[in-house]
Each structure stands twice: as C-alpha cells, then as structure tokens.
Protein backbone atom coordinates (compact mmCIF):
# COMPACT_ATOMS: atom_id res chain seq x y z
CA UNK A 1 98.92 -20.89 -34.42
CA UNK A 2 101.22 -18.38 -32.66
CA UNK A 3 100.36 -19.74 -29.28
CA UNK A 4 100.80 -23.28 -30.55
CA UNK A 5 104.39 -22.34 -31.63
CA UNK A 6 105.00 -20.80 -28.29
CA UNK A 7 103.98 -23.97 -26.57
CA UNK A 8 106.26 -25.92 -28.65
CA UNK A 9 109.16 -23.42 -28.11
CA UNK A 10 108.69 -23.73 -24.27
CA UNK A 11 108.21 -27.41 -24.31
CA UNK A 12 111.41 -28.05 -26.22
CA UNK A 13 114.14 -25.79 -24.85
CA UNK A 14 116.96 -27.97 -26.20
CA UNK A 15 115.77 -27.03 -29.68
CA UNK A 16 115.53 -23.37 -28.95
CA UNK A 17 116.53 -20.50 -29.09
CA UNK A 18 115.57 -20.41 -32.71
CA UNK A 19 118.00 -18.08 -34.61
CA UNK A 20 115.50 -15.34 -34.70
CA UNK A 21 114.79 -15.49 -30.96
CA UNK A 22 116.57 -12.26 -30.35
CA UNK A 23 113.99 -10.50 -32.39
CA UNK A 24 111.17 -12.35 -30.47
CA UNK A 25 112.51 -11.29 -27.07
CA UNK A 26 112.73 -7.69 -28.31
CA UNK A 27 109.08 -7.91 -29.36
CA UNK A 28 108.11 -9.58 -26.02
CA UNK A 29 109.84 -6.77 -24.07
CA UNK A 30 108.20 -4.09 -26.16
CA UNK A 31 104.69 -5.40 -25.66
CA UNK A 32 105.26 -5.88 -21.98
CA UNK A 33 106.68 -2.31 -21.77
CA UNK A 34 103.75 -0.86 -23.53
CA UNK A 35 101.27 -2.74 -21.40
CA UNK A 36 102.93 -1.58 -18.11
CA UNK A 37 102.97 2.01 -19.38
CA UNK A 38 99.36 1.92 -20.57
CA UNK A 39 98.28 0.67 -17.15
CA UNK A 40 100.33 3.31 -15.35
CA UNK A 41 102.45 0.84 -13.59
CA UNK A 42 106.19 0.97 -12.65
CA UNK A 43 108.80 -1.76 -12.43
CA UNK A 44 108.06 -2.32 -8.74
CA UNK A 45 104.51 -3.12 -9.52
CA UNK A 46 105.68 -5.83 -12.05
CA UNK A 47 108.35 -7.14 -9.46
CA UNK A 48 105.82 -7.80 -6.72
CA UNK A 49 103.53 -9.54 -9.20
CA UNK A 50 106.29 -12.03 -10.20
CA UNK A 51 105.11 -15.58 -9.23
CA UNK A 52 107.32 -17.50 -6.70
CA UNK A 53 110.62 -16.01 -5.91
CA UNK A 54 110.78 -12.25 -5.67
CA UNK A 55 112.89 -10.38 -8.27
CA UNK A 56 114.22 -6.79 -8.15
CA UNK A 57 112.51 -4.13 -10.04
CA UNK A 58 115.70 -3.50 -11.98
CA UNK A 59 115.51 -6.92 -13.44
CA UNK A 60 112.35 -5.93 -15.40
CA UNK A 61 113.91 -2.55 -16.46
CA UNK A 62 116.93 -4.52 -17.87
CA UNK A 63 114.36 -6.85 -19.65
CA UNK A 64 112.58 -4.02 -21.28
CA UNK A 65 115.91 -2.37 -22.16
CA UNK A 66 117.12 -5.53 -23.86
CA UNK A 67 120.11 -5.92 -21.47
CA UNK A 68 119.36 -9.45 -20.40
CA UNK A 69 118.27 -11.43 -23.38
CA UNK A 70 115.92 -14.39 -22.51
CA UNK A 71 115.03 -14.60 -18.91
CA UNK A 72 115.19 -17.98 -17.23
CA UNK A 73 111.43 -18.18 -16.95
CA UNK A 74 109.92 -16.02 -19.71
CA UNK A 75 106.38 -17.29 -18.93
CA UNK A 76 106.83 -15.98 -15.26
CA UNK A 77 108.13 -12.68 -16.53
CA UNK A 78 104.93 -12.32 -18.82
CA UNK A 79 102.76 -13.60 -16.06
CA UNK A 80 104.12 -10.75 -13.79
CA UNK A 81 103.41 -8.02 -16.48
CA UNK A 82 99.86 -9.53 -17.04
CA UNK A 83 99.16 -9.47 -13.33
CA UNK A 84 100.42 -6.11 -12.68
CA UNK A 85 98.46 -4.65 -15.73
CA UNK A 86 95.32 -6.81 -15.26
CA UNK A 87 96.03 -8.38 -18.84
CA UNK A 88 95.76 -11.95 -19.98
CA UNK A 89 99.36 -13.39 -20.42
CA UNK A 90 98.23 -15.11 -23.66
CA UNK A 91 97.37 -11.66 -25.05
CA UNK A 92 100.85 -10.41 -24.36
CA UNK A 93 102.40 -13.46 -25.93
CA UNK A 94 100.23 -13.35 -28.97
CA UNK A 95 100.86 -9.79 -29.67
CA UNK A 96 104.68 -10.34 -29.31
CA UNK A 97 104.56 -13.30 -31.69
CA UNK A 98 102.40 -11.37 -34.26
CA UNK A 99 104.86 -8.42 -34.18
CA UNK A 100 107.78 -10.89 -34.46
CA UNK A 101 106.24 -12.75 -37.37
CA UNK A 102 105.51 -9.42 -39.20
CA UNK A 103 109.15 -8.40 -38.80
CA UNK A 104 110.22 -11.86 -40.04
CA UNK A 105 108.01 -11.43 -43.02
CA UNK A 106 109.59 -8.10 -43.81
CA UNK A 107 112.99 -9.53 -43.39
CA UNK A 108 111.99 -12.35 -45.62
CA UNK A 109 110.77 -9.97 -48.31
CA UNK A 110 114.09 -7.86 -48.11
CA UNK A 111 116.06 -11.11 -48.75
CA UNK A 112 114.12 -12.10 -52.05
CA UNK A 113 115.72 -11.42 -55.30
CA UNK A 114 114.30 -8.61 -57.44
CA UNK A 115 111.55 -9.76 -59.75
CA UNK A 116 110.79 -12.76 -57.48
CA UNK A 117 106.95 -12.82 -57.33
CA UNK A 118 106.73 -16.08 -55.41
CA UNK A 119 104.21 -15.76 -52.52
CA UNK A 120 105.82 -15.23 -49.13
CA UNK A 121 104.90 -17.67 -46.44
CA UNK A 122 104.44 -16.81 -42.77
CA UNK A 123 107.65 -17.26 -40.72
CA UNK A 124 105.58 -19.34 -38.13
CA UNK A 125 104.33 -21.70 -40.80
CA UNK A 126 108.10 -22.14 -42.00
CA UNK A 127 109.25 -22.97 -38.40
CA UNK A 128 106.30 -25.26 -37.93
CA UNK A 129 107.44 -27.23 -41.00
CA UNK A 130 111.02 -27.13 -39.96
CA UNK A 131 110.23 -28.51 -36.45
CA UNK A 132 108.02 -31.34 -37.96
CA UNK A 133 110.81 -32.32 -40.24
CA UNK A 134 113.19 -32.45 -37.39
CA UNK A 135 114.00 -35.88 -36.03
CA UNK A 136 111.89 -36.82 -33.01
CA UNK A 137 114.77 -37.34 -30.69
CA UNK A 138 116.06 -33.71 -31.52
CA UNK A 139 112.68 -32.15 -31.07
CA UNK A 140 112.58 -33.84 -27.56
CA UNK A 141 116.05 -32.52 -26.73
CA UNK A 142 117.15 -36.05 -26.42
CA UNK A 143 114.64 -36.82 -23.53
CA UNK A 144 112.99 -39.78 -25.63
CA UNK A 145 116.46 -41.24 -26.13
CA UNK A 146 117.37 -41.07 -22.48
CA UNK A 147 114.13 -42.77 -21.45
CA UNK A 148 114.77 -45.68 -23.88
CA UNK A 149 118.39 -46.06 -22.67
CA UNK A 150 117.54 -45.89 -19.02
C-alpha cells in the first residue's frame, strides 16, 4: 500500500505536499543516507549516478542534512542513491514510507485523549480515504477540468 500511496503522491503534485510531507522527506533522506553509508559510498558516487542532468555532490549532502526540502525530482534523487548503492529504489521508498507511517502513528497516539481506547488506524489508510473523498478535479490538479474546457 505504501508504494500505491507514493504513486498517487507523485502523480498528483497539485494535491501534495501533504501536511506531513516534511516528516516524509526527513524519513526519505535518512533512509538514503543510511544506504549510502552502508555501501561505503560518498556524495560524489551518488552525484554521478543521478539520471540525466549532472548535479553537484553538495546537493545530496544538503538533501541528507534537511537543508533543501523536497527536491524537484525526488524519484531521480532516490534512483541516484539506489544506483550508487546497488539497491532497488522501491526498497528505499518503501522503507521511508514505513518509517514515516510509524512516526505518524506515534504522533496520532499522542494526540488522543487519555482513556481513549479506540483503535488507531494507519496514517496511510487515512490519507487514502481522504484522497478518495476528494473531488476528482482536485485529485487531478485541475487537469481534467482543463481538458474538458479546452
């Protein structure tokens, strides 16, 4: 389910960033950093693995340090880390989403009132429901409306 959510998030950029996306980018950067260090690679190895246009190694250091927020092409950043570390990009995304969901579940638990025994639902399930309840034109970032009008 985490990868399905990621696909929706990347497919509808007008709807995102979701309010908790700061936490998600922090999780993604941490997972990428850990993969890079585990493989014994440095920032230059990641930079030369970036698909398409070449980026400077400092770009990836800033990404890991949380100084940049969401990159313009997060999928390309993750692909560069995956190529440099000989890892599947989907594994990096899945680990980041799982960590993010766990952090959200902990935060959700802190927000509950004392004595509330209602079961917590997974944050990704909540977002999936919110997205499905959203009007179709908003989910498509207005693209459907522009096609009908044009």
